[in-house]
Amino acid sequence: MFPQPKKYGRYVAAAVFVVFAIQSPEAAALLVKQAGGLALGLAESLGTFVEAFQ
């Protein structure tokens, strides 16, 4: 019925990250490493939380 908004946000964020990675590869690698560590820590905390209910 109503026109749906275009979802270009993902592509814009990816393009900005690619430009950032080209200009500063060390900082981009550190950012990816920190994001992976955050995801790992979150998964570990969630696993501990779920394990407490068993």
C-alpha atoms as a PDB file:
ATOM      1  CA  MET A   1       0.000   0.000   0.000  1.00  0.00           C
ATOM      2  CA  PHE A   2       2.449   2.615   1.195  1.00  0.00           C
ATOM      3  CA  PRO A   3       5.842   3.016  -0.450  1.00  0.00           C
ATOM      4  CA  GLN A   4       8.586   1.505   1.664  1.00  0.00           C
ATOM      5  CA  PRO A   5      11.657   3.593   2.447  1.00  0.00           C
ATOM      6  CA  LYS A   6      14.857   2.580   0.720  1.00  0.00           C
ATOM      7  CA  LYS A   7      17.270   0.797   2.991  1.00  0.00           C
ATOM      8  CA  TYR A   8      20.603   2.269   1.970  1.00  0.00           C
ATOM      9  CA  GLY A   9      21.916   2.736   5.512  1.00  0.00           C
ATOM     10  CA  ARG A  10      23.837  -0.543   5.435  1.00  0.00           C
ATOM     11  CA  TYR A  11      25.529   0.307   2.170  1.00  0.00           C
ATOM     12  CA  VAL A  12      26.437   3.804   3.322  1.00  0.00           C
ATOM     13  CA  ALA A  13      27.934   2.437   6.567  1.00  0.00           C
ATOM     14  CA  ALA A  14      29.920  -0.184   4.635  1.00  0.00           C
ATOM     15  CA  ALA A  15      31.209   2.440   2.193  1.00  0.00           C
ATOM     16  CA  VAL A  16      32.268   4.734   5.046  1.00  0.00           C
ATOM     17  CA  PHE A  17      34.075   1.838   6.726  1.00  0.00           C
ATOM     18  CA  VAL A  18      35.869   0.893   3.489  1.00  0.00           C
ATOM     19  CA  VAL A  19      37.068   4.473   3.018  1.00  0.00           C
ATOM     20  CA  PHE A  20      38.147   4.567   6.673  1.00  0.00           C
ATOM     21  CA  ALA A  21      39.975   1.240   6.272  1.00  0.00           C
ATOM     22  CA  ILE A  22      41.819   2.486   3.190  1.00  0.00           C
ATOM     23  CA  GLN A  23      42.895   5.689   4.917  1.00  0.00           C
ATOM     24  CA  SER A  24      43.812   4.107   8.232  1.00  0.00           C
ATOM     25  CA  PRO A  25      44.190   0.306   8.067  1.00  0.00           C
ATOM     26  CA  GLU A  26      45.696  -0.036  11.564  1.00  0.00           C
ATOM     27  CA  ALA A  27      42.799   1.797  13.196  1.00  0.00           C
ATOM     28  CA  ALA A  28      40.277  -0.200  11.144  1.00  0.00           C
ATOM     29  CA  ALA A  29      41.897  -3.473  12.203  1.00  0.00           C
ATOM     30  CA  LEU A  30      41.809  -2.385  15.842  1.00  0.00           C
ATOM     31  CA  LEU A  31      38.142  -1.453  15.500  1.00  0.00           C
ATOM     32  CA  VAL A  32      37.289  -4.871  14.037  1.00  0.00           C
ATOM     33  CA  LYS A  33      39.310  -6.613  16.749  1.00  0.00           C
ATOM     34  CA  GLN A  34      37.520  -4.665  19.488  1.00  0.00           C
ATOM     35  CA  ALA A  35      34.111  -5.392  17.953  1.00  0.00           C
ATOM     36  CA  GLY A  36      34.962  -9.112  17.844  1.00  0.00           C
ATOM     37  CA  GLY A  37      36.058  -9.024  21.473  1.00  0.00           C
ATOM     38  CA  LEU A  38      32.838  -7.281  22.424  1.00  0.00           C
ATOM     39  CA  ALA A  39      30.753  -9.895  20.592  1.00  0.00           C
ATOM     40  CA  LEU A  40      32.717 -12.700  22.236  1.00  0.00           C
ATOM     41  CA  GLY A  41      32.288 -11.170  25.691  1.00  0.00           C
ATOM     42  CA  LEU A  42      28.565 -10.694  25.109  1.00  0.00           C
ATOM     43  CA  ALA A  43      28.156 -14.309  23.983  1.00  0.00           C
ATOM     44  CA  GLU A  44      30.075 -15.556  27.020  1.00  0.00           C
ATOM     45  CA  SER A  45      27.976 -13.455  29.393  1.00  0.00           C
ATOM     46  CA  LEU A  46      24.765 -14.606  27.745  1.00  0.00           C
ATOM     47  CA  GLY A  47      25.897 -18.232  28.029  1.00  0.00           C
ATOM     48  CA  THR A  48      26.625 -17.782  31.733  1.00  0.00           C
ATOM     49  CA  PHE A  49      23.221 -16.145  32.218  1.00  0.00           C
ATOM     50  CA  VAL A  50      21.370 -18.952  30.456  1.00  0.00           C
ATOM     51  CA  GLU A  51      23.414 -21.585  32.316  1.00  0.00           C
ATOM     52  CA  ALA A  52      22.246 -20.091  35.626  1.00  0.00           C
ATOM     53  CA  PHE A  53      18.689 -21.137  34.838  1.00  0.00           C
ATOM     54  CA  GLN A  54      19.554 -24.823  34.433  1.00  0.00           C
END
